[in-house]
Amino acid sequence: MVLPSLLAPSVMFLTVERPGKGVHARPLTGVALAVSVGLLTGTAELMLLGAADLGASPRALAASPYLYLFAFTALLALGQLQIALQRCRLAVVGLVATAVAKTYLLPMSAVLYGDPWPGAYGALALGLSVLAVAAVPHHEPVPAGTAVTRGTPPPPRPPGDGEPGRRGSAGPPGGAGEPAPWSAARS
């Protein structure tokens, strides 16, 4: 049960959320990265639940795989969370990862450890959690006035817009033929 719970998020993390290329590519919001982090966090919480059932005996805890699986899963989740937070917004990653972790924990703990299945309110909470994750946009919005549709050429660039060596460009001061004043040797 643990191997698919570790393998699926890892494969999803490596393959699903790749930035688009080309003129029409829009930045992704990180929903897939957050789902991967949430599944790993839910798996780590399941390992803690299993370790809690062992009691207070340190020997029983050290002899069981729960502690070691928790440490490995938590480190993997923290690494993926760090990467997701560097690429995407905290609000999206935090919301989706938490919702997925708790949604995964609730039914899996009932199946694995015999916890009571949630009543009507628990089923409603599970449904709302799934809807919340589904409602998060998967692409960043395009700023107004920058959308280029298929079939229309991009707007012309003003003269000297970032081309070194042209008048009014972002090149070195004084143009392409003259060195920058701060680079001249002092005598």
Protein backbone atom coordinates (compact mmCIF):
# COMPACT_ATOMS: atom_id res chain seq x y z
CA MET A 1 0.00 0.00 0.00
CA VAL A 2 2.88 2.38 0.71
CA LEU A 3 4.71 1.79 -2.57
CA PRO A 4 1.88 3.09 -4.80
CA SER A 5 1.40 6.00 -2.38
CA LEU A 6 5.04 6.97 -2.85
CA LEU A 7 5.42 6.09 -6.51
CA ALA A 8 2.32 7.85 -7.90
CA PRO A 9 3.13 11.32 -6.48
CA SER A 10 6.79 11.01 -7.46
CA VAL A 11 5.98 10.11 -11.06
CA MET A 12 3.32 12.81 -11.17
CA PHE A 13 5.80 15.38 -9.82
CA LEU A 14 8.35 14.51 -12.49
CA THR A 15 6.01 14.37 -15.47
CA VAL A 16 2.83 16.41 -15.09
CA GLU A 17 3.56 20.07 -14.51
CA ARG A 18 5.99 21.16 -17.18
CA PRO A 19 6.09 24.79 -18.26
CA GLY A 20 4.71 25.40 -21.73
CA LYS A 21 6.89 26.64 -24.56
CA GLY A 22 6.08 29.00 -27.34
CA VAL A 23 4.32 32.28 -27.86
CA HIS A 24 1.00 31.19 -26.37
CA ALA A 25 2.35 29.41 -23.30
CA ARG A 26 0.82 30.52 -20.02
CA PRO A 27 2.46 29.97 -16.65
CA LEU A 28 1.00 27.15 -14.59
CA THR A 29 -0.30 27.72 -11.07
CA GLY A 30 1.17 24.59 -9.50
CA VAL A 31 -1.96 22.53 -8.87
CA ALA A 32 -0.28 19.30 -9.98
CA LEU A 33 2.76 19.97 -7.81
CA ALA A 34 0.51 20.68 -4.84
CA VAL A 35 -1.50 17.48 -5.42
CA SER A 36 1.76 15.52 -5.40
CA VAL A 37 2.86 17.18 -2.16
CA GLY A 38 -0.59 16.57 -0.64
CA LEU A 39 -0.53 12.86 -1.46
CA LEU A 40 2.91 12.48 0.12
CA THR A 41 1.83 14.46 3.18
CA GLY A 42 -1.28 12.30 3.54
CA THR A 43 0.88 9.19 3.30
CA ALA A 44 3.21 10.54 6.01
CA GLU A 45 0.20 11.22 8.23
CA LEU A 46 -0.99 7.65 7.67
CA MET A 47 2.41 6.40 8.87
CA LEU A 48 2.04 8.51 12.02
CA LEU A 49 -1.40 7.02 12.59
CA GLY A 50 0.06 3.52 12.33
CA ALA A 51 2.88 4.42 14.72
CA ALA A 52 0.37 5.82 17.22
CA ASP A 53 -1.44 2.47 17.30
CA LEU A 54 1.77 0.78 18.53
CA GLY A 55 1.63 2.44 21.94
CA ALA A 56 4.35 4.14 23.92
CA SER A 57 6.98 1.40 23.59
CA PRO A 58 10.16 2.70 21.92
CA ARG A 59 11.16 -0.85 20.95
CA ALA A 60 7.90 -1.48 19.14
CA LEU A 61 8.26 1.84 17.35
CA ALA A 62 11.87 1.13 16.33
CA ALA A 63 10.99 -2.38 15.13
CA SER A 64 8.07 -1.24 12.98
CA PRO A 65 8.47 0.27 9.50
CA TYR A 66 6.17 3.20 10.32
CA LEU A 67 8.87 5.48 11.71
CA TYR A 68 11.24 4.92 8.80
CA LEU A 69 8.53 5.25 6.17
CA PHE A 70 7.32 8.43 7.84
CA ALA A 71 10.82 9.94 7.78
CA PHE A 72 11.35 9.05 4.12
CA THR A 73 7.90 10.23 3.03
CA ALA A 74 8.09 13.46 5.02
CA LEU A 75 11.52 14.32 3.56
CA LEU A 76 10.25 13.62 0.04
CA ALA A 77 7.17 15.78 0.68
CA LEU A 78 9.27 18.63 2.11
CA GLY A 79 11.60 18.53 -0.88
CA GLN A 80 8.70 18.64 -3.32
CA LEU A 81 7.02 21.39 -1.28
CA GLN A 82 10.17 23.50 -1.44
CA ILE A 83 10.33 23.13 -5.23
CA ALA A 84 6.60 23.86 -5.58
CA LEU A 85 6.89 27.00 -3.46
CA GLN A 86 9.80 28.24 -5.56
CA ARG A 87 7.80 27.81 -8.76
CA CYS A 88 4.28 28.75 -7.68
CA ARG A 89 2.23 30.85 -5.29
CA LEU A 90 1.94 29.89 -1.65
CA ALA A 91 -1.83 30.35 -1.64
CA VAL A 92 -2.35 27.77 -4.38
CA VAL A 93 0.21 25.26 -3.14
CA GLY A 94 -0.88 25.53 0.50
CA LEU A 95 -4.60 25.26 -0.18
CA VAL A 96 -4.39 22.37 -2.62
CA ALA A 97 -1.75 20.39 -0.70
CA THR A 98 -3.69 20.63 2.56
CA ALA A 99 -7.02 19.73 0.95
CA VAL A 100 -5.52 16.72 -0.86
CA ALA A 101 -3.66 15.50 2.24
CA LYS A 102 -6.75 15.55 4.43
CA THR A 103 -8.98 14.13 1.69
CA TYR A 104 -6.51 11.29 1.22
CA LEU A 105 -6.05 10.69 4.95
CA LEU A 106 -9.74 10.33 5.82
CA PRO A 107 -10.75 7.42 3.54
CA MET A 108 -7.37 5.67 3.65
CA SER A 109 -7.30 5.62 7.45
CA ALA A 110 -10.75 4.03 7.39
CA VAL A 111 -9.55 1.35 4.98
CA LEU A 112 -6.13 0.66 6.54
CA TYR A 113 -6.74 1.09 10.26
CA GLY A 114 -10.47 0.53 10.60
CA ASP A 115 -11.26 4.07 11.68
CA PRO A 116 -14.97 4.81 11.54
CA TRP A 117 -16.16 6.05 8.18
CA PRO A 118 -17.30 9.67 8.42
CA GLY A 119 -21.02 10.26 8.58
CA ALA A 120 -23.01 12.64 6.41
CA TYR A 121 -20.93 15.64 7.41
CA GLY A 122 -17.70 13.80 6.63
CA ALA A 123 -18.94 12.86 3.17
CA LEU A 124 -19.96 16.48 2.62
CA ALA A 125 -16.51 17.63 3.72
CA LEU A 126 -14.85 15.17 1.32
CA GLY A 127 -17.03 16.40 -1.54
CA LEU A 128 -16.32 20.04 -0.76
CA SER A 129 -12.61 19.32 -0.57
CA VAL A 130 -12.64 17.73 -4.01
CA LEU A 131 -14.63 20.67 -5.39
CA ALA A 132 -12.21 23.15 -3.84
CA VAL A 133 -9.24 21.49 -5.52
CA ALA A 134 -11.09 21.28 -8.83
CA ALA A 135 -12.03 24.98 -8.66
CA VAL A 136 -8.44 26.21 -8.42
CA PRO A 137 -7.32 27.60 -11.80
CA HIS A 138 -4.58 25.63 -13.50
CA HIS A 139 -3.08 28.57 -15.42
CA GLU A 140 -2.13 32.09 -14.39
CA PRO A 141 -4.41 34.75 -15.89
CA VAL A 142 -3.11 36.61 -18.93
CA PRO A 143 -2.63 40.33 -18.24
CA ALA A 144 -5.00 42.58 -20.19
CA GLY A 145 -3.65 43.77 -23.51
CA THR A 146 -0.94 41.09 -23.80
CA ALA A 147 -2.95 38.23 -25.23
CA VAL A 148 -1.93 37.26 -28.73
CA THR A 149 -4.46 35.09 -30.50
CA ARG A 150 -3.72 32.64 -33.28
CA GLY A 151 -3.57 34.15 -36.72
CA THR A 152 -2.67 37.66 -35.61
CA PRO A 153 0.95 38.77 -35.60
CA PRO A 154 2.42 40.21 -32.42
CA PRO A 155 2.37 44.01 -32.16
CA PRO A 156 5.41 45.78 -33.65
CA ARG A 157 8.19 46.70 -31.28
CA PRO A 158 9.10 50.36 -30.86
CA PRO A 159 12.51 51.37 -32.24
CA GLY A 160 15.38 50.59 -29.93
CA ASP A 161 13.37 48.27 -27.67
CA GLY A 162 16.09 46.17 -26.12
CA GLU A 163 18.29 45.72 -29.19
CA PRO A 164 21.91 46.54 -28.32
CA GLY A 165 23.57 48.94 -30.72
CA ARG A 166 20.39 50.79 -31.78
CA ARG A 167 19.62 54.33 -30.76
CA GLY A 168 17.58 54.49 -27.59
CA SER A 169 18.32 50.88 -26.81
CA ALA A 170 19.04 49.21 -23.53
CA GLY A 171 22.67 48.80 -24.62
CA PRO A 172 25.67 50.54 -23.04
CA PRO A 173 25.49 54.30 -22.55
CA GLY A 174 26.82 56.24 -25.49
CA GLY A 175 25.80 53.68 -28.12
CA ALA A 176 27.47 50.59 -29.48
CA GLY A 177 30.68 52.27 -30.64
CA GLU A 178 31.55 54.07 -27.42
CA PRO A 179 32.64 52.37 -24.19
CA ALA A 180 30.74 53.04 -21.01
CA PRO A 181 32.18 55.96 -19.01
CA TRP A 182 32.94 53.77 -15.98
CA SER A 183 34.96 51.29 -18.06
CA ALA A 184 37.49 53.82 -19.36
CA ALA A 185 40.98 53.43 -17.94
CA ARG A 186 42.18 56.20 -15.65
CA SER A 187 45.48 57.85 -16.32
